[in-house]
C-alpha atoms as a PDB file:
ATOM      1  CA  UNK A   1      66.185 -15.900-132.709  1.00  0.00           C
ATOM      2  CA  UNK A   2      65.630 -18.581-135.331  1.00  0.00           C
ATOM      3  CA  UNK A   3      65.428 -18.425-139.114  1.00  0.00           C
ATOM      4  CA  UNK A   4      61.645 -18.360-139.262  1.00  0.00           C
ATOM      5  CA  UNK A   5      61.514 -15.351-136.915  1.00  0.00           C
ATOM      6  CA  UNK A   6      64.097 -13.396-138.887  1.00  0.00           C
ATOM      7  CA  UNK A   7      63.008 -14.262-142.418  1.00  0.00           C
ATOM      8  CA  UNK A   8      59.606 -15.725-143.209  1.00  0.00           C
ATOM      9  CA  UNK A   9      57.874 -18.465-145.167  1.00  0.00           C
ATOM     10  CA  UNK A  10      59.274 -19.915-148.365  1.00  0.00           C
ATOM     11  CA  UNK A  11      57.419 -18.949-151.518  1.00  0.00           C
ATOM     12  CA  UNK A  12      57.785 -22.144-153.539  1.00  0.00           C
ATOM     13  CA  UNK A  13      57.004 -24.836-150.998  1.00  0.00           C
ATOM     14  CA  UNK A  14      58.977 -26.948-148.573  1.00  0.00           C
ATOM     15  CA  UNK A  15      62.681 -27.618-149.131  1.00  0.00           C
ATOM     16  CA  UNK A  16      63.474 -30.356-151.647  1.00  0.00           C
ATOM     17  CA  UNK A  17      66.114 -31.881-149.395  1.00  0.00           C
ATOM     18  CA  UNK A  18      69.216 -31.034-147.395  1.00  0.00           C
ATOM     19  CA  UNK A  19      72.816 -30.075-148.122  1.00  0.00           C
ATOM     20  CA  UNK A  20      75.914 -28.399-146.733  1.00  0.00           C
ATOM     21  CA  UNK A  21      77.018 -24.957-147.921  1.00  0.00           C
ATOM     22  CA  UNK A  22      80.508 -23.551-147.243  1.00  0.00           C
ATOM     23  CA  UNK A  23      82.233 -26.783-146.275  1.00  0.00           C
ATOM     24  CA  UNK A  24      85.218 -24.950-147.818  1.00  0.00           C
ATOM     25  CA  UNK A  25      85.700 -21.338-148.921  1.00  0.00           C
ATOM     26  CA  UNK A  26      85.678 -22.489-152.554  1.00  0.00           C
ATOM     27  CA  UNK A  27      82.087 -23.707-152.116  1.00  0.00           C
ATOM     28  CA  UNK A  28      80.894 -20.087-151.933  1.00  0.00           C
ATOM     29  CA  UNK A  29      82.491 -17.875-154.590  1.00  0.00           C
ATOM     30  CA  UNK A  30      81.501 -14.268-155.234  1.00  0.00           C
ATOM     31  CA  UNK A  31      82.656 -11.906-157.983  1.00  0.00           C
ATOM     32  CA  UNK A  32      81.705  -8.259-157.772  1.00  0.00           C
ATOM     33  CA  UNK A  33      80.232  -6.858-161.008  1.00  0.00           C
ATOM     34  CA  UNK A  34      81.363  -3.245-161.415  1.00  0.00           C
ATOM     35  CA  UNK A  35      80.446  -1.506-164.679  1.00  0.00           C
ATOM     36  CA  UNK A  36      82.853   1.431-164.321  1.00  0.00           C
ATOM     37  CA  UNK A  37      85.501   2.011-167.013  1.00  0.00           C
ATOM     38  CA  UNK A  38      88.764   2.917-165.255  1.00  0.00           C
ATOM     39  CA  UNK A  39      90.761   5.816-166.726  1.00  0.00           C
ATOM     40  CA  UNK A  40      94.256   4.519-165.957  1.00  0.00           C
ATOM     41  CA  UNK A  41      95.169   7.802-164.289  1.00  0.00           C
ATOM     42  CA  UNK A  42      94.184   9.845-161.247  1.00  0.00           C
ATOM     43  CA  UNK A  43      94.831  10.021-157.522  1.00  0.00           C
ATOM     44  CA  UNK A  44      92.975   6.821-156.656  1.00  0.00           C
ATOM     45  CA  UNK A  45      94.539   3.371-156.970  1.00  0.00           C
ATOM     46  CA  UNK A  46      91.930   0.659-157.563  1.00  0.00           C
ATOM     47  CA  UNK A  47      92.713  -2.910-156.551  1.00  0.00           C
ATOM     48  CA  UNK A  48      90.984  -6.102-157.702  1.00  0.00           C
ATOM     49  CA  UNK A  49      91.402  -8.328-154.647  1.00  0.00           C
ATOM     50  CA  UNK A  50      90.780 -12.021-154.061  1.00  0.00           C
ATOM     51  CA  UNK A  51      90.279 -13.048-150.449  1.00  0.00           C
ATOM     52  CA  UNK A  52      89.294 -16.195-148.578  1.00  0.00           C
ATOM     53  CA  UNK A  53      88.391 -16.595-144.909  1.00  0.00           C
ATOM     54  CA  UNK A  54      88.606 -12.819-144.511  1.00  0.00           C
ATOM     55  CA  UNK A  55      85.834 -10.239-144.305  1.00  0.00           C
ATOM     56  CA  UNK A  56      85.890  -6.996-146.275  1.00  0.00           C
ATOM     57  CA  UNK A  57      86.607  -4.716-143.316  1.00  0.00           C
ATOM     58  CA  UNK A  58      89.597  -6.828-142.211  1.00  0.00           C
ATOM     59  CA  UNK A  59      90.917  -6.813-145.786  1.00  0.00           C
ATOM     60  CA  UNK A  60      90.610  -3.009-145.900  1.00  0.00           C
ATOM     61  CA  UNK A  61      92.532  -2.699-142.619  1.00  0.00           C
ATOM     62  CA  UNK A  62      95.295  -4.957-143.913  1.00  0.00           C
ATOM     63  CA  UNK A  63      95.605  -2.957-147.147  1.00  0.00           C
ATOM     64  CA  UNK A  64      95.638   0.346-145.240  1.00  0.00           C
ATOM     65  CA  UNK A  65      98.451  -0.860-142.943  1.00  0.00           C
ATOM     66  CA  UNK A  66     100.567  -2.091-145.846  1.00  0.00           C
ATOM     67  CA  UNK A  67     100.094   1.202-147.713  1.00  0.00           C
ATOM     68  CA  UNK A  68     100.777   3.317-144.625  1.00  0.00           C
ATOM     69  CA  UNK A  69      97.382   5.001-144.944  1.00  0.00           C
ATOM     70  CA  UNK A  70      94.554   5.720-142.514  1.00  0.00           C
ATOM     71  CA  UNK A  71      91.658   3.316-142.874  1.00  0.00           C
ATOM     72  CA  UNK A  72      89.406   6.101-144.174  1.00  0.00           C
ATOM     73  CA  UNK A  73      91.616   6.322-147.284  1.00  0.00           C
ATOM     74  CA  UNK A  74      90.560   2.801-148.322  1.00  0.00           C
ATOM     75  CA  UNK A  75      87.139   2.405-149.957  1.00  0.00           C
ATOM     76  CA  UNK A  76      85.075  -0.551-151.169  1.00  0.00           C
ATOM     77  CA  UNK A  77      81.699  -0.984-152.841  1.00  0.00           C
ATOM     78  CA  UNK A  78      80.164  -3.651-150.622  1.00  0.00           C
ATOM     79  CA  UNK A  79      80.706  -6.133-147.822  1.00  0.00           C
ATOM     80  CA  UNK A  80      81.494  -9.728-148.774  1.00  0.00           C
ATOM     81  CA  UNK A  81      81.270 -12.888-146.690  1.00  0.00           C
ATOM     82  CA  UNK A  82      84.155 -14.070-144.535  1.00  0.00           C
ATOM     83  CA  UNK A  83      83.482 -17.771-145.149  1.00  0.00           C
ATOM     84  CA  UNK A  84      83.883 -17.531-148.912  1.00  0.00           C
ATOM     85  CA  UNK A  85      86.260 -17.060-151.807  1.00  0.00           C
ATOM     86  CA  UNK A  86      85.476 -13.546-153.031  1.00  0.00           C
ATOM     87  CA  UNK A  87      86.834 -11.100-155.561  1.00  0.00           C
ATOM     88  CA  UNK A  88      86.038  -7.415-155.146  1.00  0.00           C
ATOM     89  CA  UNK A  89      87.362  -3.915-155.764  1.00  0.00           C
ATOM     90  CA  UNK A  90      89.034  -1.590-153.265  1.00  0.00           C
ATOM     91  CA  UNK A  91      90.374   1.923-153.880  1.00  0.00           C
ATOM     92  CA  UNK A  92      93.160   3.838-152.135  1.00  0.00           C
ATOM     93  CA  UNK A  93      93.299   7.640-152.049  1.00  0.00           C
ATOM     94  CA  UNK A  94      96.867   8.601-152.988  1.00  0.00           C
ATOM     95  CA  UNK A  95      96.955  12.315-153.928  1.00  0.00           C
ATOM     96  CA  UNK A  96     100.431  13.172-155.187  1.00  0.00           C
ATOM     97  CA  UNK A  97     101.799   9.759-154.186  1.00  0.00           C
ATOM     98  CA  UNK A  98     103.248   6.850-156.115  1.00  0.00           C
ATOM     99  CA  UNK A  99     101.740   3.399-155.899  1.00  0.00           C
ATOM    100  CA  UNK A 100     102.683   1.880-152.527  1.00  0.00           C
ATOM    101  CA  UNK A 101     104.325  -1.499-151.994  1.00  0.00           C
ATOM    102  CA  UNK A 102     101.451  -3.704-150.868  1.00  0.00           C
ATOM    103  CA  UNK A 103     103.379  -6.944-150.498  1.00  0.00           C
ATOM    104  CA  UNK A 104     102.796  -6.932-146.736  1.00  0.00           C
ATOM    105  CA  UNK A 105      99.030  -7.107-147.329  1.00  0.00           C
ATOM    106  CA  UNK A 106      99.235 -10.277-149.380  1.00  0.00           C
ATOM    107  CA  UNK A 107      99.075 -13.766-147.921  1.00  0.00           C
ATOM    108  CA  UNK A 108      97.298 -17.069-148.592  1.00  0.00           C
ATOM    109  CA  UNK A 109      94.075 -15.282-147.553  1.00  0.00           C
ATOM    110  CA  UNK A 110      94.492 -12.131-149.680  1.00  0.00           C
ATOM    111  CA  UNK A 111      95.852 -11.651-153.203  1.00  0.00           C
ATOM    112  CA  UNK A 112      95.907  -8.489-155.307  1.00  0.00           C
ATOM    113  CA  UNK A 113      95.010  -9.585-158.831  1.00  0.00           C
ATOM    114  CA  UNK A 114      94.943  -6.228-160.613  1.00  0.00           C
ATOM    115  CA  UNK A 115      95.885  -2.583-159.978  1.00  0.00           C
ATOM    116  CA  UNK A 116      94.742   0.457-161.951  1.00  0.00           C
ATOM    117  CA  UNK A 117      94.546   4.188-161.390  1.00  0.00           C
ATOM    118  CA  UNK A 118      91.289   6.134-161.612  1.00  0.00           C
ATOM    119  CA  UNK A 119      90.218   9.739-161.092  1.00  0.00           C
ATOM    120  CA  UNK A 120      87.533   8.925-158.518  1.00  0.00           C
ATOM    121  CA  UNK A 121      87.222   6.890-155.328  1.00  0.00           C
ATOM    122  CA  UNK A 122      85.160   3.740-155.189  1.00  0.00           C
ATOM    123  CA  UNK A 123      81.783   4.580-153.662  1.00  0.00           C
ATOM    124  CA  UNK A 124      79.711   2.280-151.447  1.00  0.00           C
ATOM    125  CA  UNK A 125      77.031   0.567-153.483  1.00  0.00           C
ATOM    126  CA  UNK A 126      78.756   1.347-156.794  1.00  0.00           C
ATOM    127  CA  UNK A 127      78.654  -2.265-157.976  1.00  0.00           C
ATOM    128  CA  UNK A 128      75.642  -3.274-160.031  1.00  0.00           C
ATOM    129  CA  UNK A 129      75.552  -6.976-159.187  1.00  0.00           C
ATOM    130  CA  UNK A 130      77.402  -9.973-157.781  1.00  0.00           C
ATOM    131  CA  UNK A 131      78.122 -13.208-159.599  1.00  0.00           C
ATOM    132  CA  UNK A 132      77.980 -16.407-157.532  1.00  0.00           C
ATOM    133  CA  UNK A 133      79.251 -19.949-157.883  1.00  0.00           C
ATOM    134  CA  UNK A 134      77.905 -22.117-155.053  1.00  0.00           C
ATOM    135  CA  UNK A 135      78.556 -25.783-154.334  1.00  0.00           C
ATOM    136  CA  UNK A 136      75.979 -27.597-152.217  1.00  0.00           C
ATOM    137  CA  UNK A 137      77.729 -30.687-150.892  1.00  0.00           C
ATOM    138  CA  UNK A 138      76.504 -33.802-149.052  1.00  0.00           C
ATOM    139  CA  UNK A 139      73.294 -33.321-151.011  1.00  0.00           C
ATOM    140  CA  UNK A 140      70.321 -35.424-149.921  1.00  0.00           C
ATOM    141  CA  UNK A 141      67.424 -34.444-152.150  1.00  0.00           C
ATOM    142  CA  UNK A 142      64.692 -35.618-154.447  1.00  0.00           C
ATOM    143  CA  UNK A 143      66.451 -34.912-157.772  1.00  0.00           C
ATOM    144  CA  UNK A 144      63.252 -34.555-159.792  1.00  0.00           C
ATOM    145  CA  UNK A 145      61.706 -32.140-157.288  1.00  0.00           C
ATOM    146  CA  UNK A 146      64.961 -30.177-157.149  1.00  0.00           C
ATOM    147  CA  UNK A 147      65.121 -29.829-160.935  1.00  0.00           C
ATOM    148  CA  UNK A 148      61.535 -28.599-161.019  1.00  0.00           C
ATOM    149  CA  UNK A 149      62.236 -26.087-158.228  1.00  0.00           C
ATOM    150  CA  UNK A 150      65.309 -24.759-160.016  1.00  0.00           C
ATOM    151  CA  UNK A 151      63.297 -24.127-163.166  1.00  0.00           C
ATOM    152  CA  UNK A 152      60.597 -22.476-161.079  1.00  0.00           C
ATOM    153  CA  UNK A 153      62.883 -20.004-159.336  1.00  0.00           C
ATOM    154  CA  UNK A 154      64.630 -19.209-162.630  1.00  0.00           C
ATOM    155  CA  UNK A 155      61.255 -18.196-164.074  1.00  0.00           C
ATOM    156  CA  UNK A 156      59.649 -16.580-161.024  1.00  0.00           C
ATOM    157  CA  UNK A 157      62.470 -15.383-158.775  1.00  0.00           C
ATOM    158  CA  UNK A 158      62.441 -15.702-154.982  1.00  0.00           C
ATOM    159  CA  UNK A 159      61.399 -13.435-152.081  1.00  0.00           C
ATOM    160  CA  UNK A 160      64.069 -10.783-151.605  1.00  0.00           C
ATOM    161  CA  UNK A 161      64.560 -11.399-147.875  1.00  0.00           C
ATOM    162  CA  UNK A 162      67.584 -10.033-146.074  1.00  0.00           C
ATOM    163  CA  UNK A 163      69.694 -13.073-145.198  1.00  0.00           C
ATOM    164  CA  UNK A 164      70.463 -14.280-141.694  1.00  0.00           C
ATOM    165  CA  UNK A 165      73.974 -12.801-141.818  1.00  0.00           C
ATOM    166  CA  UNK A 166      72.434  -9.315-141.698  1.00  0.00           C
ATOM    167  CA  UNK A 167      71.210 -10.011-138.151  1.00  0.00           C
ATOM    168  CA  UNK A 168      74.353 -11.501-136.608  1.00  0.00           C
ATOM    169  CA  UNK A 169      74.734 -14.763-134.718  1.00  0.00           C
ATOM    170  CA  UNK A 170      71.339 -15.841-133.337  1.00  0.00           C
ATOM    171  CA  UNK A 171      69.931 -12.435-134.282  1.00  0.00           C
ATOM    172  CA  UNK A 172      72.342 -10.639-131.956  1.00  0.00           C
ATOM    173  CA  UNK A 173      72.433  -7.423-134.019  1.00  0.00           C
ATOM    174  CA  UNK A 174      68.658  -7.131-133.911  1.00  0.00           C
ATOM    175  CA  UNK A 175      68.493  -7.848-130.190  1.00  0.00           C
ATOM    176  CA  UNK A 176      71.106  -5.159-129.560  1.00  0.00           C
ATOM    177  CA  UNK A 177      69.202  -2.731-131.804  1.00  0.00           C
ATOM    178  CA  UNK A 178      66.057  -3.339-129.744  1.00  0.00           C
ATOM    179  CA  UNK A 179      67.942  -2.618-126.515  1.00  0.00           C
ATOM    180  CA  UNK A 180      69.188   0.704-127.898  1.00  0.00           C
ATOM    181  CA  UNK A 181      65.721   1.543-129.205  1.00  0.00           C
ATOM    182  CA  UNK A 182      64.118   0.885-125.823  1.00  0.00           C
ATOM    183  CA  UNK A 183      66.671   3.201-124.191  1.00  0.00           C
ATOM    184  CA  UNK A 184      66.074   5.750-126.967  1.00  0.00           C
ATOM    185  CA  UNK A 185      69.792   6.041-127.647  1.00  0.00           C
ATOM    186  CA  UNK A 186      72.050   5.638-130.666  1.00  0.00           C
ATOM    187  CA  UNK A 187      75.477   3.976-130.513  1.00  0.00           C
ATOM    188  CA  UNK A 188      78.316   6.476-130.596  1.00  0.00           C
ATOM    189  CA  UNK A 189      80.577   4.264-132.700  1.00  0.00           C
ATOM    190  CA  UNK A 190      79.737   4.881-136.349  1.00  0.00           C
ATOM    191  CA  UNK A 191      80.185   1.314-137.623  1.00  0.00           C
ATOM    192  CA  UNK A 192      78.119  -0.137-134.784  1.00  0.00           C
ATOM    193  CA  UNK A 193      75.378   2.451-135.266  1.00  0.00           C
ATOM    194  CA  UNK A 194      75.208   1.696-138.986  1.00  0.00           C
ATOM    195  CA  UNK A 195      75.095  -2.067-138.407  1.00  0.00           C
ATOM    196  CA  UNK A 196      72.312  -1.907-135.817  1.00  0.00           C
ATOM    197  CA  UNK A 197      70.163   0.552-137.763  1.00  0.00           C
ATOM    198  CA  UNK A 198      70.539  -1.600-140.857  1.00  0.00           C
ATOM    199  CA  UNK A 199      69.586  -4.711-138.905  1.00  0.00           C
ATOM    200  CA  UNK A 200      66.411  -3.056-137.581  1.00  0.00           C
ATOM    201  CA  UNK A 201      65.312  -1.836-141.016  1.00  0.00           C
ATOM    202  CA  UNK A 202      66.069  -5.207-142.561  1.00  0.00           C
ATOM    203  CA  UNK A 203      64.002  -7.030-139.962  1.00  0.00           C
ATOM    204  CA  UNK A 204      60.988  -4.776-140.496  1.00  0.00           C
ATOM    205  CA  UNK A 205      61.286  -5.210-144.260  1.00  0.00           C
ATOM    206  CA  UNK A 206      61.418  -8.991-143.831  1.00  0.00           C
ATOM    207  CA  UNK A 207      58.272  -8.888-141.706  1.00  0.00           C
ATOM    208  CA  UNK A 208      56.347  -7.068-144.440  1.00  0.00           C
ATOM    209  CA  UNK A 209      57.708  -9.432-147.095  1.00  0.00           C
ATOM    210  CA  UNK A 210      56.756 -12.435-144.961  1.00  0.00           C
ATOM    211  CA  UNK A 211      53.163 -11.168-144.857  1.00  0.00           C
ATOM    212  CA  UNK A 212      53.148 -10.711-148.625  1.00  0.00           C
ATOM    213  CA  UNK A 213      54.573 -14.215-149.175  1.00  0.00           C
ATOM    214  CA  UNK A 214      51.929 -15.721-146.893  1.00  0.00           C
ATOM    215  CA  UNK A 215      49.228 -13.843-148.834  1.00  0.00           C
ATOM    216  CA  UNK A 216      50.688 -14.844-152.217  1.00  0.00           C
ATOM    217  CA  UNK A 217      51.188 -11.199-153.281  1.00  0.00           C
ATOM    218  CA  UNK A 218      54.985 -10.872-152.983  1.00  0.00           C
ATOM    219  CA  UNK A 219      55.391 -11.158-156.752  1.00  0.00           C
ATOM    220  CA  UNK A 220      52.238  -9.265-157.774  1.00  0.00           C
ATOM    221  CA  UNK A 221      51.597  -5.556-158.103  1.00  0.00           C
ATOM    222  CA  UNK A 222      48.629  -4.312-156.083  1.00  0.00           C
ATOM    223  CA  UNK A 223      46.905  -0.946-156.388  1.00  0.00           C
ATOM    224  CA  UNK A 224      48.672   1.270-153.861  1.00  0.00           C
ATOM    225  CA  UNK A 225      52.014  -0.491-154.245  1.00  0.00           C
ATOM    226  CA  UNK A 226      55.178   1.431-154.998  1.00  0.00           C
ATOM    227  CA  UNK A 227      56.900  -0.176-157.989  1.00  0.00           C
ATOM    228  CA  UNK A 228      60.593  -0.124-158.853  1.00  0.00           C
ATOM    229  CA  UNK A 229      62.852  -1.558-161.509  1.00  0.00           C
ATOM    230  CA  UNK A 230      65.437  -4.151-160.518  1.00  0.00           C
ATOM    231  CA  UNK A 231      68.434  -1.817-160.347  1.00  0.00           C
ATOM    232  CA  UNK A 232      66.669   1.499-159.634  1.00  0.00           C
ATOM    233  CA  UNK A 233      66.281   3.272-156.318  1.00  0.00           C
ATOM    234  CA  UNK A 234      63.358   5.369-157.554  1.00  0.00           C
ATOM    235  CA  UNK A 235      59.759   4.152-157.397  1.00  0.00           C
ATOM    236  CA  UNK A 236      56.259   5.106-158.526  1.00  0.00           C
ATOM    237  CA  UNK A 237      52.699   4.450-157.409  1.00  0.00           C
ATOM    238  CA  UNK A 238      50.758   1.554-158.910  1.00  0.00           C
ATOM    239  CA  UNK A 239      47.250   2.175-160.143  1.00  0.00           C
ATOM    240  CA  UNK A 240      45.094  -0.198-162.165  1.00  0.00           C
ATOM    241  CA  UNK A 241      47.087   0.407-165.359  1.00  0.00           C
ATOM    242  CA  UNK A 242      50.474  -0.009-163.694  1.00  0.00           C
ATOM    243  CA  UNK A 243      49.395  -3.361-162.247  1.00  0.00           C
ATOM    244  CA  UNK A 244      49.079  -4.625-165.838  1.00  0.00           C
ATOM    245  CA  UNK A 245      52.534  -3.434-166.925  1.00  0.00           C
ATOM    246  CA  UNK A 246      54.120  -6.264-168.994  1.00  0.00           C
ATOM    247  CA  UNK A 247      57.495  -5.590-167.388  1.00  0.00           C
ATOM    248  CA  UNK A 248      56.166  -7.168-164.193  1.00  0.00           C
ATOM    249  CA  UNK A 249      55.851 -10.521-165.971  1.00  0.00           C
ATOM    250  CA  UNK A 250      59.453 -10.497-167.208  1.00  0.00           C
ATOM    251  CA  UNK A 251      60.848  -9.716-163.724  1.00  0.00           C
ATOM    252  CA  UNK A 252      62.068  -6.261-164.691  1.00  0.00           C
ATOM    253  CA  UNK A 253      59.559  -4.328-162.556  1.00  0.00           C
ATOM    254  CA  UNK A 254      58.593  -5.280-159.002  1.00  0.00           C
ATOM    255  CA  UNK A 255      56.484  -4.308-155.992  1.00  0.00           C
ATOM    256  CA  UNK A 256      58.552  -2.908-153.136  1.00  0.00           C
ATOM    257  CA  UNK A 257      58.595  -3.020-149.367  1.00  0.00           C
ATOM    258  CA  UNK A 258      59.541  -0.356-146.820  1.00  0.00           C
ATOM    259  CA  UNK A 259      62.965   0.489-145.452  1.00  0.00           C
ATOM    260  CA  UNK A 260      61.645   2.537-142.572  1.00  0.00           C
ATOM    261  CA  UNK A 261      62.769   6.005-141.638  1.00  0.00           C
ATOM    262  CA  UNK A 262      61.088   9.324-140.940  1.00  0.00           C
ATOM    263  CA  UNK A 263      57.390   9.562-141.757  1.00  0.00           C
ATOM    264  CA  UNK A 264      54.788   7.002-142.747  1.00  0.00           C
ATOM    265  CA  UNK A 265      55.134   4.562-145.666  1.00  0.00           C
ATOM    266  CA  UNK A 266      54.044   6.425-148.849  1.00  0.00           C
ATOM    267  CA  UNK A 267      52.009   3.479-150.127  1.00  0.00           C
ATOM    268  CA  UNK A 268      48.215   3.513-150.367  1.00  0.00           C
ATOM    269  CA  UNK A 269      45.098   1.453-149.759  1.00  0.00           C
ATOM    270  CA  UNK A 270      45.504  -2.146-148.504  1.00  0.00           C
ATOM    271  CA  UNK A 271      49.278  -2.100-149.046  1.00  0.00           C
ATOM    272  CA  UNK A 272      49.646   0.874-146.739  1.00  0.00           C
ATOM    273  CA  UNK A 273      47.396  -0.739-144.139  1.00  0.00           C
ATOM    274  CA  UNK A 274      49.575  -3.865-144.131  1.00  0.00           C
ATOM    275  CA  UNK A 275      52.828  -1.918-143.796  1.00  0.00           C
ATOM    276  CA  UNK A 276      51.490   0.253-140.984  1.00  0.00           C
ATOM    277  CA  UNK A 277      50.135  -2.835-139.202  1.00  0.00           C
ATOM    278  CA  UNK A 278      53.585  -4.451-139.280  1.00  0.00           C
ATOM    279  CA  UNK A 279      55.215  -1.226-138.113  1.00  0.00           C
ATOM    280  CA  UNK A 280      52.751  -0.865-135.242  1.00  0.00           C
ATOM    281  CA  UNK A 281      54.094  -4.114-133.769  1.00  0.00           C
ATOM    282  CA  UNK A 282      57.539  -2.522-133.346  1.00  0.00           C
ATOM    283  CA  UNK A 283      56.886   1.090-132.222  1.00  0.00           C
ATOM    284  CA  UNK A 284      60.220   1.421-130.412  1.00  0.00           C
ATOM    285  CA  UNK A 285      62.185   0.429-133.502  1.00  0.00           C
ATOM    286  CA  UNK A 286      60.193   2.813-135.714  1.00  0.00           C
ATOM    287  CA  UNK A 287      60.739   5.738-133.340  1.00  0.00           C
ATOM    288  CA  UNK A 288      64.438   4.863-133.109  1.00  0.00           C
ATOM    289  CA  UNK A 289      64.883   4.805-136.890  1.00  0.00           C
ATOM    290  CA  UNK A 290      63.083   8.134-137.162  1.00  0.00           C
ATOM    291  CA  UNK A 291      65.245   9.632-134.414  1.00  0.00           C
ATOM    292  CA  UNK A 292      68.342   8.536-136.325  1.00  0.00           C
ATOM    293  CA  UNK A 293      67.178  10.654-139.268  1.00  0.00           C
ATOM    294  CA  UNK A 294      66.827   7.696-141.613  1.00  0.00           C
ATOM    295  CA  UNK A 295      65.013   8.551-144.836  1.00  0.00           C
ATOM    296  CA  UNK A 296      62.204   6.243-145.939  1.00  0.00           C
ATOM    297  CA  UNK A 297      63.443   4.088-148.820  1.00  0.00           C
ATOM    298  CA  UNK A 298      62.140   1.080-150.743  1.00  0.00           C
ATOM    299  CA  UNK A 299      63.482  -2.374-151.632  1.00  0.00           C
ATOM    300  CA  UNK A 300      62.067  -4.729-154.254  1.00  0.00           C
ATOM    301  CA  UNK A 301      60.093  -7.646-152.797  1.00  0.00           C
ATOM    302  CA  UNK A 302      60.971 -10.048-155.590  1.00  0.00           C
ATOM    303  CA  UNK A 303      64.536 -11.111-156.376  1.00  0.00           C
ATOM    304  CA  UNK A 304      65.159 -11.984-160.036  1.00  0.00           C
ATOM    305  CA  UNK A 305      67.888 -14.580-160.599  1.00  0.00           C
ATOM    306  CA  UNK A 306      69.920 -13.900-163.717  1.00  0.00           C
ATOM    307  CA  UNK A 307      71.836 -16.469-165.766  1.00  0.00           C
ATOM    308  CA  UNK A 308      70.975 -19.374-163.469  1.00  0.00           C
ATOM    309  CA  UNK A 309      72.712 -22.622-164.460  1.00  0.00           C
ATOM    310  CA  UNK A 310      73.357 -25.820-162.526  1.00  0.00           C
ATOM    311  CA  UNK A 311      75.006 -29.210-162.784  1.00  0.00           C
ATOM    312  CA  UNK A 312      76.086 -32.123-160.583  1.00  0.00           C
ATOM    313  CA  UNK A 313      79.893 -32.568-160.472  1.00  0.00           C
ATOM    314  CA  UNK A 314      79.258 -35.586-158.205  1.00  0.00           C
ATOM    315  CA  UNK A 315      75.995 -37.372-157.345  1.00  0.00           C
ATOM    316  CA  UNK A 316      75.863 -35.623-153.960  1.00  0.00           C
ATOM    317  CA  UNK A 317      77.073 -32.180-155.134  1.00  0.00           C
ATOM    318  CA  UNK A 318      74.943 -29.507-156.818  1.00  0.00           C
ATOM    319  CA  UNK A 319      76.829 -26.564-158.309  1.00  0.00           C
ATOM    320  CA  UNK A 320      74.895 -23.365-159.023  1.00  0.00           C
ATOM    321  CA  UNK A 321      75.958 -20.275-160.943  1.00  0.00           C
ATOM    322  CA  UNK A 322      73.880 -17.088-161.061  1.00  0.00           C
ATOM    323  CA  UNK A 323      73.965 -13.296-160.845  1.00  0.00           C
ATOM    324  CA  UNK A 324      72.038 -11.214-158.302  1.00  0.00           C
ATOM    325  CA  UNK A 325      71.519  -7.452-157.998  1.00  0.00           C
ATOM    326  CA  UNK A 326      73.750  -5.712-155.466  1.00  0.00           C
ATOM    327  CA  UNK A 327      72.410  -5.809-151.925  1.00  0.00           C
ATOM    328  CA  UNK A 328      70.682  -9.181-152.241  1.00  0.00           C
ATOM    329  CA  UNK A 329      71.596 -12.486-150.609  1.00  0.00           C
ATOM    330  CA  UNK A 330      72.533 -15.743-152.333  1.00  0.00           C
ATOM    331  CA  UNK A 331      71.511 -17.666-149.230  1.00  0.00           C
ATOM    332  CA  UNK A 332      67.837 -16.777-149.773  1.00  0.00           C
ATOM    333  CA  UNK A 333      68.052 -18.446-153.185  1.00  0.00           C
ATOM    334  CA  UNK A 334      69.489 -21.606-151.615  1.00  0.00           C
ATOM    335  CA  UNK A 335      66.771 -21.490-148.931  1.00  0.00           C
ATOM    336  CA  UNK A 336      64.098 -22.026-151.589  1.00  0.00           C
ATOM    337  CA  UNK A 337      65.907 -25.221-152.638  1.00  0.00           C
ATOM    338  CA  UNK A 338      67.186 -27.071-149.575  1.00  0.00           C
ATOM    339  CA  UNK A 339      67.619 -26.905-145.828  1.00  0.00           C
ATOM    340  CA  UNK A 340      71.232 -26.375-144.835  1.00  0.00           C
ATOM    341  CA  UNK A 341      73.001 -28.770-142.486  1.00  0.00           C
ATOM    342  CA  UNK A 342      75.935 -27.832-140.276  1.00  0.00           C
ATOM    343  CA  UNK A 343      79.270 -29.185-141.488  1.00  0.00           C
ATOM    344  CA  UNK A 344      79.984 -32.521-139.804  1.00  0.00           C
ATOM    345  CA  UNK A 345      76.327 -33.536-139.568  1.00  0.00           C
ATOM    346  CA  UNK A 346      75.934 -34.844-143.110  1.00  0.00           C
ATOM    347  CA  UNK A 347      75.057 -38.421-142.179  1.00  0.00           C
ATOM    348  CA  UNK A 348      71.790 -37.527-140.450  1.00  0.00           C
ATOM    349  CA  UNK A 349      68.901 -39.392-142.099  1.00  0.00           C
ATOM    350  CA  UNK A 350      66.789 -37.156-144.312  1.00  0.00           C
ATOM    351  CA  UNK A 351      63.039 -37.430-144.725  1.00  0.00           C
ATOM    352  CA  UNK A 352      61.199 -36.062-147.753  1.00  0.00           C
END
């Protein structure tokens, strides 16, 4: 499956050019933002870990082995890219135990930068945001158009699509989810089940968002929408008055799209009709998500980009720095700027 099938149209027009992302791990840097004051005492050891070329699950396994703990004793807030330089928190459950020697976990791909005790484990989704530093190399772009686009997305945000990495190589996770849905069965393995269910929900959300982008309503509240604040999981119905809320204009309040589960989308009027129309195209996936006992949730359609800055270290390198809410994808920001080229194909002529 290609990008257009898994995501949807751009909101701000065609790409301004082409570039390479992740030529090296340092070109994609992520810092987890966790607003939790640590107590300095308790039965949980929290680790601030830097890793490169290593995914979060592999890092957790390495830490568990070094500490002599079962994997379930190691917790983390969110998954971070393998092809990146990332810094994130892990916690180890050590009731009645001293801090373990974790030297065996460290290597050129994993460094423990900080250790501190706390009275609670690190919960999934506990981080509030992620800070990014991205370097787009081998840049071939219309500089004036790119500058204008950067200002535009800083002011208006971008569609909050789930990125391609959610669906696996060539959409493999989604294709596997469809096969399970058609057989009306759920994977026994917990991690696989979670990954496939998440892929299916993400795809359906992207389809609704794609329709809203095509209609020009992805960043507008419509009567019948369910609205949510950037960092809130709760939502409320939009009537005429709510559609005029000034917090919509400052990118603090947003329309939402469905993360399908049991029952029908709780939206109303034309919004509900659109969501049910999209869902009706994938009846097997909807029935499968309901069978899994997934609760219906919502995700904001518009992704605000905080603290966006940029500069050009070299004429063909654009460096971006910004902060995104947890659960969103930096690659969908880049997608509104440029098309990405595979590493090693940077000398292909570019047309604008």
